[in-house]
Structures are given as structure tokens and as C-alpha cells.
Amino acid sequence: MWGAVAIAMSEGSERGLDVVDRLASRGDLDRYVYLHSTRAELLRRLGRTSDARDAYRAAICLLYTSPSPRDATSHLVCRLLL
């Protein structure tokens, strides 16, 4: 992930987003909040507001949920609010 940030800083947000999207396509980082928050920030910088909003929502939901059954209510609330 940090490599994608470095690329975005040195080569531009579009190039960094390409790297993040390749990482995301693997599927093993779906619950990694920094994947979604990094993607959201790069989308925001590119002016893709609607896509950025969706990525920020995914990141926020990951912050307030966990695999624990006691957090099922928090997960549901997050999904309903966002």
C-alpha cells in the first residue's frame, strides 16, 4: 500500500490509483481499511467525488465493525447510515 502512495506522490494520483486498484482486485485486502481510505483519497484528488464517497464509506464501515458477533449491531447500523 505504501508503494502505491509513493507512486501517487511521484507520478500522480491516477498512477497511484492504478496500483491500488490492482491490489484491490486480488480480494485479499477487502477488510484492510487503508486500502479503502487510500483509494478514496486518490479518487477525491482526481475529482471522482461519487466514487470517493463510496470508498470512504467502505473505510468507515471497516473502522466500526469487526468479525465479533457482539459487533453485528454496529455493522448493521453502519450499513444503514452510510
C-alpha atoms as a PDB file:
ATOM      1  CA  MET A   1       0.000   0.000   0.000  1.00  0.00           C
ATOM      2  CA  TRP A   2       2.762   2.423   0.880  1.00  0.00           C
ATOM      3  CA  GLY A   3       4.281   1.811  -2.534  1.00  0.00           C
ATOM      4  CA  ALA A   4       1.032   2.970  -4.135  1.00  0.00           C
ATOM      5  CA  VAL A   5       1.149   6.149  -2.052  1.00  0.00           C
ATOM      6  CA  ALA A   6       4.744   6.791  -3.090  1.00  0.00           C
ATOM      7  CA  ILE A   7       3.833   6.276  -6.737  1.00  0.00           C
ATOM      8  CA  ALA A   8       0.869   8.645  -6.386  1.00  0.00           C
ATOM      9  CA  MET A   9       3.141  11.283  -4.892  1.00  0.00           C
ATOM     10  CA  SER A  10       5.831  10.930  -7.524  1.00  0.00           C
ATOM     11  CA  GLU A  11       3.857  10.014 -10.653  1.00  0.00           C
ATOM     12  CA  GLY A  12       0.380  11.348  -9.930  1.00  0.00           C
ATOM     13  CA  SER A  13      -2.887  10.227  -8.403  1.00  0.00           C
ATOM     14  CA  GLU A  14      -4.057   8.343 -11.494  1.00  0.00           C
ATOM     15  CA  ARG A  15      -0.966   6.140 -11.486  1.00  0.00           C
ATOM     16  CA  GLY A  16      -1.267   5.564  -7.730  1.00  0.00           C
ATOM     17  CA  LEU A  17      -4.936   4.641  -8.143  1.00  0.00           C
ATOM     18  CA  ASP A  18      -3.967   2.085 -10.790  1.00  0.00           C
ATOM     19  CA  VAL A  19      -1.683   0.402  -8.264  1.00  0.00           C
ATOM     20  CA  VAL A  20      -4.330   0.488  -5.515  1.00  0.00           C
ATOM     21  CA  ASP A  21      -6.959  -0.942  -7.863  1.00  0.00           C
ATOM     22  CA  ARG A  22      -4.627  -3.788  -8.828  1.00  0.00           C
ATOM     23  CA  LEU A  23      -4.110  -4.576  -5.148  1.00  0.00           C
ATOM     24  CA  ALA A  24      -7.868  -4.403  -4.564  1.00  0.00           C
ATOM     25  CA  SER A  25      -8.597  -6.761  -7.446  1.00  0.00           C
ATOM     26  CA  ARG A  26      -6.770  -9.569  -5.648  1.00  0.00           C
ATOM     27  CA  GLY A  27      -9.503  -9.583  -2.996  1.00  0.00           C
ATOM     28  CA  ASP A  28      -7.296 -10.401  -0.028  1.00  0.00           C
ATOM     29  CA  LEU A  29      -7.267  -6.792   1.221  1.00  0.00           C
ATOM     30  CA  ASP A  30     -11.038  -6.242   1.236  1.00  0.00           C
ATOM     31  CA  ARG A  31     -11.081  -5.770   5.023  1.00  0.00           C
ATOM     32  CA  TYR A  32      -7.962  -3.576   5.110  1.00  0.00           C
ATOM     33  CA  VAL A  33      -9.192  -0.089   5.976  1.00  0.00           C
ATOM     34  CA  TYR A  34      -6.137   1.618   4.478  1.00  0.00           C
ATOM     35  CA  LEU A  35      -6.879   0.154   1.055  1.00  0.00           C
ATOM     36  CA  HIS A  36     -10.256   1.872   1.014  1.00  0.00           C
ATOM     37  CA  SER A  37      -9.122   5.127   2.596  1.00  0.00           C
ATOM     38  CA  THR A  38      -6.144   5.430   0.238  1.00  0.00           C
ATOM     39  CA  ARG A  39      -8.348   4.667  -2.735  1.00  0.00           C
ATOM     40  CA  ALA A  40     -10.888   7.249  -1.519  1.00  0.00           C
ATOM     41  CA  GLU A  41      -8.280   9.972  -1.186  1.00  0.00           C
ATOM     42  CA  LEU A  42      -6.852   9.308  -4.632  1.00  0.00           C
ATOM     43  CA  LEU A  43     -10.328   9.339  -6.162  1.00  0.00           C
ATOM     44  CA  ARG A  44     -11.075  12.619  -4.372  1.00  0.00           C
ATOM     45  CA  ARG A  45      -7.905  14.165  -5.745  1.00  0.00           C
ATOM     46  CA  LEU A  46      -8.951  13.089  -9.225  1.00  0.00           C
ATOM     47  CA  GLY A  47     -12.349  14.755  -8.794  1.00  0.00           C
ATOM     48  CA  ARG A  48     -14.261  11.468  -8.798  1.00  0.00           C
ATOM     49  CA  THR A  49     -16.447  12.518  -5.893  1.00  0.00           C
ATOM     50  CA  SER A  50     -19.092   9.805  -6.061  1.00  0.00           C
ATOM     51  CA  ASP A  51     -16.519   7.004  -6.266  1.00  0.00           C
ATOM     52  CA  ALA A  52     -14.521   8.630  -3.465  1.00  0.00           C
ATOM     53  CA  ARG A  53     -17.631   8.791  -1.275  1.00  0.00           C
ATOM     54  CA  ASP A  54     -18.234   5.060  -1.748  1.00  0.00           C
ATOM     55  CA  ALA A  55     -14.619   4.247  -0.879  1.00  0.00           C
ATOM     56  CA  TYR A  56     -14.733   6.486   2.216  1.00  0.00           C
ATOM     57  CA  ARG A  57     -17.928   4.708   3.306  1.00  0.00           C
ATOM     58  CA  ALA A  58     -16.237   1.332   2.944  1.00  0.00           C
ATOM     59  CA  ALA A  59     -13.321   2.548   5.060  1.00  0.00           C
ATOM     60  CA  ILE A  60     -15.608   3.982   7.734  1.00  0.00           C
ATOM     61  CA  CYS A  61     -17.599   0.769   7.963  1.00  0.00           C
ATOM     62  CA  LEU A  62     -14.413  -1.209   8.455  1.00  0.00           C
ATOM     63  CA  LEU A  63     -13.432   1.077  11.324  1.00  0.00           C
ATOM     64  CA  TYR A  64     -16.687   0.383  13.143  1.00  0.00           C
ATOM     65  CA  THR A  65     -17.065  -3.325  12.519  1.00  0.00           C
ATOM     66  CA  SER A  66     -15.229  -6.465  13.391  1.00  0.00           C
ATOM     67  CA  PRO A  67     -15.803 -10.192  12.973  1.00  0.00           C
ATOM     68  CA  SER A  68     -17.028 -10.455  16.558  1.00  0.00           C
ATOM     69  CA  PRO A  69     -20.730 -11.394  16.908  1.00  0.00           C
ATOM     70  CA  ARG A  70     -21.200  -8.682  19.522  1.00  0.00           C
ATOM     71  CA  ASP A  71     -20.386  -6.105  16.847  1.00  0.00           C
ATOM     72  CA  ALA A  72     -23.133  -7.277  14.477  1.00  0.00           C
ATOM     73  CA  THR A  73     -25.347  -4.388  15.561  1.00  0.00           C
ATOM     74  CA  SER A  74     -22.610  -1.843  14.836  1.00  0.00           C
ATOM     75  CA  HIS A  75     -22.136  -3.368  11.417  1.00  0.00           C
ATOM     76  CA  LEU A  76     -25.843  -3.119  10.650  1.00  0.00           C
ATOM     77  CA  VAL A  77     -26.041   0.475  11.867  1.00  0.00           C
ATOM     78  CA  CYS A  78     -23.042   1.420   9.760  1.00  0.00           C
ATOM     79  CA  ARG A  79     -24.611  -0.095   6.647  1.00  0.00           C
ATOM     80  CA  LEU A  80     -27.926   1.676   7.295  1.00  0.00           C
ATOM     81  CA  LEU A  81     -26.365   5.068   7.961  1.00  0.00           C
ATOM     82  CA  LEU A  82     -23.942   5.026   5.097  1.00  0.00           C
END
